[in-house]
Protein backbone atom coordinates (compact mmCIF):
# COMPACT_ATOMS: atom_id res chain seq x y z
CA MET A 1 39.84 -0.32 58.29
CA LEU A 2 41.49 -3.43 58.28
CA LEU A 3 39.60 -6.74 58.70
CA LEU A 4 41.43 -9.33 60.61
CA ASN A 5 40.94 -12.77 62.44
CA ALA A 6 41.65 -13.01 66.47
CA SER A 7 44.70 -15.06 67.22
CA GLY A 8 44.38 -18.46 67.38
CA CYS A 9 40.72 -18.46 65.42
CA LEU A 10 42.13 -19.77 61.74
CA ASP A 11 44.59 -22.23 60.89
CA ALA A 12 46.20 -19.92 57.65
CA LEU A 13 47.99 -22.86 56.54
CA ALA A 14 44.44 -24.75 56.15
CA ALA A 15 42.41 -22.52 55.06
CA PRO A 16 44.69 -20.05 52.87
CA TRP A 17 41.36 -18.89 50.96
CA ALA A 18 40.20 -17.77 54.08
CA VAL A 19 43.01 -15.86 54.80
CA ALA A 20 42.98 -14.32 51.36
CA SER A 21 40.03 -12.58 52.01
CA LEU A 22 41.44 -10.81 55.21
CA ASP A 23 43.41 -7.57 55.11
CA ALA A 24 46.40 -9.19 57.63
CA PHE A 25 46.57 -12.35 59.24
CA VAL A 26 47.17 -12.45 63.11
CA THR A 27 49.42 -15.67 64.44
CA LYS A 28 48.95 -17.98 67.29
CA THR A 29 50.85 -16.82 69.99
CA VAL A 30 54.15 -17.67 70.24
CA THR A 31 56.34 -18.12 73.06
CA PRO A 32 59.83 -18.53 73.66
CA ALA A 33 60.14 -22.49 74.31
CA PRO A 34 57.41 -25.10 73.23
CA ARG A 35 54.15 -25.29 74.96
CA GLU A 36 51.81 -28.41 74.77
CA GLY A 37 48.73 -26.61 76.60
CA ASN A 38 46.43 -27.30 79.19
CA PRO A 39 44.97 -30.66 79.25
CA PRO A 40 42.20 -31.51 77.73
CA PRO A 41 39.12 -30.79 76.86
CA ARG A 42 39.99 -27.45 75.86
CA ILE A 43 37.03 -26.41 74.28
CA ALA A 44 33.53 -26.31 75.14
CA GLU A 45 30.45 -24.43 73.92
CA THR A 46 27.79 -22.92 75.90
CA GLU A 47 24.47 -22.03 75.08
CA THR A 48 25.37 -18.32 73.86
CA GLY A 49 29.41 -18.46 73.08
CA MET A 50 32.37 -20.55 73.56
CA LEU A 51 34.72 -21.63 76.28
CA ASN A 52 38.60 -22.35 75.26
CA SER A 53 41.89 -23.13 77.23
CA ILE A 54 44.31 -23.76 74.69
CA GLY A 55 47.26 -22.49 76.94
CA LEU A 56 49.06 -21.15 74.34
CA ALA A 57 50.18 -24.78 72.98
CA ASN A 58 52.36 -23.47 70.41
CA PRO A 59 55.98 -25.16 68.73
CA GLY A 60 58.14 -22.42 69.94
CA ARG A 61 60.00 -19.53 68.90
CA ASP A 62 62.84 -21.45 66.93
CA ARG A 63 60.26 -23.55 65.38
CA PHE A 64 57.89 -20.77 64.14
CA LEU A 65 60.64 -18.54 62.95
CA THR A 66 62.18 -21.38 60.88
CA GLU A 67 59.16 -23.33 59.45
CA THR A 68 56.22 -21.81 60.39
CA LEU A 69 56.73 -17.96 59.46
CA PRO A 70 58.07 -18.80 55.97
CA ALA A 71 55.08 -21.08 55.44
CA LEU A 72 52.99 -17.89 56.47
CA ARG A 73 54.80 -15.24 54.34
CA ARG A 74 54.21 -17.65 51.17
CA LEU A 75 50.54 -16.69 51.27
CA GLY A 76 51.08 -13.51 50.52
CA VAL A 77 49.40 -11.30 53.09
CA PRO A 78 50.88 -8.79 55.70
CA LEU A 79 51.46 -10.91 59.04
CA TRP A 80 50.90 -9.84 62.30
CA VAL A 81 52.74 -12.11 65.34
CA SER A 82 51.08 -12.66 68.26
CA VAL A 83 54.03 -12.59 70.76
CA GLY A 84 53.38 -14.09 74.39
CA GLY A 85 55.71 -15.00 77.27
CA PHE A 86 55.86 -15.01 81.38
CA SER A 87 58.46 -12.37 82.03
CA ALA A 88 58.97 -8.96 79.99
CA GLY A 89 62.79 -10.85 78.76
CA ASP A 90 60.59 -13.30 77.16
CA TYR A 91 58.73 -10.85 75.08
CA ALA A 92 61.57 -8.52 74.34
CA GLU A 93 63.93 -11.45 73.05
CA THR A 94 61.05 -13.08 70.76
CA CYS A 95 60.53 -9.53 69.18
CA THR A 96 64.49 -9.12 68.55
CA ALA A 97 63.70 -11.95 66.21
CA LEU A 98 61.00 -10.86 64.24
CA GLU A 99 61.14 -8.51 60.73
CA GLY A 100 58.57 -7.70 58.46
CA VAL A 101 55.57 -8.03 60.89
CA THR A 102 53.54 -6.33 63.22
CA VAL A 103 53.77 -7.66 67.15
CA GLU A 104 50.43 -8.28 68.64
CA LEU A 105 51.71 -8.33 72.60
CA ASN A 106 49.52 -10.88 74.61
CA LEU A 107 49.48 -9.60 77.39
CA SER A 108 45.77 -10.61 78.72
CA CYS A 109 45.79 -14.43 78.31
CA PRO A 110 43.50 -16.04 80.61
CA ASN A 111 44.84 -19.55 80.18
CA VAL A 112 48.10 -19.02 81.42
CA ASP A 113 49.98 -17.78 84.31
CA GLU A 114 50.36 -13.82 83.37
CA ALA A 115 54.14 -12.32 83.39
CA PRO A 116 54.70 -10.43 86.69
CA GLU A 117 55.65 -6.86 84.96
CA ALA A 118 53.01 -4.79 84.63
CA ALA A 119 51.94 -4.27 80.90
CA ALA A 120 53.78 -0.96 80.41
CA GLU A 121 57.16 -2.79 81.37
CA ILE A 122 56.75 -5.40 78.74
CA VAL A 123 55.71 -2.72 76.22
CA ALA A 124 58.76 -0.38 77.15
CA ALA A 125 61.06 -3.76 77.39
CA CYS A 126 60.02 -4.44 73.43
CA ARG A 127 60.62 -0.97 72.22
CA ALA A 128 63.22 -0.78 73.55
CA VAL A 129 64.67 -3.65 70.99
CA SER A 130 62.29 -3.32 68.28
CA GLU A 131 61.02 -1.02 65.82
CA ALA A 132 58.31 -2.72 64.95
CA THR A 133 54.97 -1.38 65.11
CA LEU A 134 53.73 -3.16 68.49
CA PHE A 135 49.85 -3.49 69.12
CA ALA A 136 49.20 -4.33 73.01
CA LYS A 137 46.17 -7.22 73.53
CA LEU A 138 44.66 -5.99 76.65
CA SER A 139 41.79 -7.30 79.06
CA PRO A 140 38.93 -6.83 79.56
CA ALA A 141 38.95 -7.36 83.21
CA CYS A 142 41.58 -4.65 84.11
CA ALA A 143 40.70 -2.53 86.55
CA ASP A 144 41.31 0.53 85.18
CA LEU A 145 41.78 -0.34 81.19
CA PRO A 146 41.72 3.28 79.96
CA GLU A 147 45.41 3.90 82.41
CA VAL A 148 46.52 0.54 81.23
CA ALA A 149 45.85 1.98 77.55
CA ARG A 150 47.39 5.40 78.73
CA ALA A 151 50.47 3.41 80.00
CA VAL A 152 51.29 1.25 77.51
CA GLU A 153 51.09 4.34 74.68
CA ALA A 154 53.45 6.50 77.32
CA ALA A 155 55.70 3.35 77.15
CA GLY A 156 55.80 3.06 73.07
CA ALA A 157 52.86 1.04 72.04
CA ASP A 158 51.87 2.37 68.39
CA GLY A 159 48.26 0.64 68.38
CA LEU A 160 45.48 -1.38 71.12
CA SER A 161 44.01 -4.72 70.51
CA LEU A 162 40.69 -4.65 72.52
CA VAL A 163 39.81 -6.94 73.80
CA ASN A 164 40.86 -10.82 75.04
CA THR A 165 38.13 -13.50 76.24
CA ILE A 166 37.32 -12.88 79.48
CA ARG A 167 37.56 -15.92 82.33
CA GLY A 168 34.33 -17.99 82.61
CA LEU A 169 33.07 -21.46 83.72
CA ALA A 170 30.70 -24.26 82.58
CA LEU A 171 29.68 -27.56 84.22
CA ASP A 172 28.68 -30.42 82.33
CA THR A 173 25.54 -32.57 83.42
CA ARG A 174 27.44 -34.03 86.87
CA LEU A 175 28.10 -30.74 87.58
CA ALA A 176 32.13 -31.09 86.79
CA PRO A 177 34.22 -28.49 84.63
CA ARG A 178 33.42 -28.99 81.13
CA LEU A 179 37.07 -27.46 80.31
CA GLY A 180 40.62 -29.58 81.84
CA ARG A 181 41.76 -26.72 83.50
CA ALA A 182 38.10 -25.38 84.53
CA VAL A 183 38.30 -22.05 83.81
CA GLY A 184 38.71 -20.69 80.21
CA GLY A 185 38.47 -17.78 78.10
CA TYR A 186 34.50 -16.99 77.40
CA SER A 187 34.16 -15.45 73.78
CA GLY A 188 31.20 -15.29 71.18
CA ALA A 189 28.41 -12.62 71.01
CA PRO A 190 27.99 -11.66 74.48
CA LEU A 191 31.54 -10.18 74.45
CA LYS A 192 30.37 -7.85 72.08
CA PRO A 193 28.65 -5.41 74.59
CA ILE A 194 32.33 -5.69 76.54
CA ALA A 195 34.29 -5.09 73.64
CA LEU A 196 32.28 -1.67 72.67
CA ALA A 197 32.70 -0.58 76.44
CA ALA A 198 36.38 -1.33 76.34
CA VAL A 199 36.75 0.31 72.96
CA TYR A 200 34.97 3.18 73.79
CA ALA A 201 36.49 4.22 76.95
CA CYS A 202 39.84 3.32 75.51
CA ARG A 203 39.43 5.39 72.99
CA ALA A 204 38.23 8.46 75.18
CA ALA A 205 42.06 7.74 76.70
CA SER A 206 44.25 7.69 74.00
CA GLN A 207 44.51 8.54 70.21
CA LEU A 208 46.42 5.07 69.52
CA PRO A 209 44.57 2.80 66.72
CA ILE A 210 42.61 -0.04 68.24
CA VAL A 211 41.77 -3.46 66.83
CA GLY A 212 38.27 -4.03 67.82
CA MET A 213 37.19 -7.55 68.54
CA GLY A 214 34.95 -9.71 70.64
CA GLY A 215 31.57 -11.17 69.50
CA VAL A 216 31.59 -9.97 66.18
CA ARG A 217 29.05 -11.86 63.83
CA SER A 218 27.80 -9.36 61.40
CA GLY A 219 28.50 -6.08 59.55
CA ARG A 220 26.54 -4.64 62.13
CA ASP A 221 28.72 -5.53 64.87
CA ALA A 222 32.01 -4.39 62.77
CA LEU A 223 30.06 -0.85 61.99
CA GLU A 224 28.92 -0.56 65.96
CA LEU A 225 32.96 -1.13 66.70
CA VAL A 226 33.93 1.71 64.46
CA ALA A 227 31.50 3.94 66.40
CA CYS A 228 32.87 3.21 69.29
CA GLY A 229 36.11 3.97 68.01
CA ALA A 230 37.81 0.98 66.60
CA THR A 231 40.27 1.68 63.74
CA HIS A 232 40.64 -1.94 62.94
CA VAL A 233 38.20 -4.94 63.06
CA ALA A 234 38.61 -8.45 63.67
CA LEU A 235 36.93 -11.80 63.91
CA GLY A 236 37.16 -14.41 66.39
CA THR A 237 34.87 -17.15 67.34
CA VAL A 238 32.77 -16.95 64.11
CA LEU A 239 35.44 -18.22 62.19
CA PHE A 240 35.13 -21.72 63.54
CA SER A 241 31.97 -21.94 61.97
CA ASP A 242 31.95 -19.65 59.24
CA PRO A 243 35.70 -19.22 57.89
CA ASP A 244 33.98 -17.85 55.17
CA ALA A 245 32.69 -15.03 57.23
CA PRO A 246 35.34 -12.12 56.37
CA GLN A 247 33.69 -11.68 52.76
CA ARG A 248 30.53 -11.64 54.18
CA ILE A 249 30.97 -9.40 56.86
CA ARG A 250 32.45 -6.68 54.19
CA GLY A 251 29.29 -6.62 52.26
CA GLU A 252 27.02 -6.44 55.11
CA LEU A 253 28.95 -3.49 56.42
CA GLU A 254 28.78 -1.37 53.14
CA HIS A 255 25.20 -2.15 53.65
CA GLU A 256 24.78 -1.55 57.64
CA LEU A 257 26.72 1.98 56.78
CA ALA A 258 24.44 3.09 54.05
CA ARG A 259 21.49 2.07 56.36
CA ALA A 260 22.98 4.13 58.89
CA GLY A 261 23.28 7.35 56.81
CA PHE A 262 27.09 7.43 56.30
CA GLY A 263 28.88 7.55 53.47
CA ASN A 264 32.00 5.67 54.12
CA LEU A 265 33.70 4.32 57.31
CA GLU A 266 35.65 7.55 58.08
CA GLU A 267 32.17 9.22 58.57
CA ALA A 268 31.18 6.35 60.83
CA PHE A 269 34.40 6.53 62.94
CA GLY A 270 33.69 7.38 66.56
CA ALA A 271 30.05 8.34 66.14
CA ALA A 272 28.89 7.34 69.42
CA HIS A 273 31.11 9.59 71.08
CA GLU A 274 29.66 12.18 69.38
CA THR A 275 26.22 11.33 69.88
CA VAL A 276 27.20 11.59 73.60
CA VAL A 277 28.60 14.96 73.38
CA ALA A 278 25.39 16.38 71.17
CA LEU A 279 22.90 14.62 73.98
CA ASP A 280 24.98 16.33 77.17
CA ASN A 281 24.89 19.47 75.50
């Protein structure tokens, strides 16, 4: 199992010690042109989670390739580059410029207008021009997530990232939206049951590797994602308050495995599916 960060939840150059405790680092989403992002406020804490409306703020593909990517390579950890865009061509053009990295196609950002093409079309466009390992990051809000998973697999995806944030809204004391764009991506502990359901459903529909993420705060949370079928686990909101969480969660995971009666992660992988089959019989 690889332990990663969720895209946008860790500044590698500001916290290299935190990156060193991960198995790979996932960059913020890169778009062809620079983006200032959405109007502030962009982040709002809620009673049980967090809303963000960053809007894919980034320096653009050219500066990323000439400045950011070389600096990240010097950290000495495997890199995953999150790629975004507003058409299949945008995604494909960025993929052609990337070498020696895994690509995570951000097909589900809740804070910007989405590309008009279906997820499978974007994956196919990238597959046609790139030999990189492609992970498709999907939204839990898909009407039929397993069907989308099968479609991106058929289009050439090498893996799935599940899940991105889900749209949410919080009001201030004046009953006005607390985010400048009103609606943002909701993350944190309440997202975990949604992530578990998504991973569980997509594992039943596909044999692709899955990065499970959403509400992971402990070793038990990571173990539950693995039991639902996640091959790897990513940490998101927890990193804002606890950048040392990767080391802590690794230790907790070993304890939780033993407490659940498993000798290793391979034994725990997909255990939730086996339990359901046993009960059905």
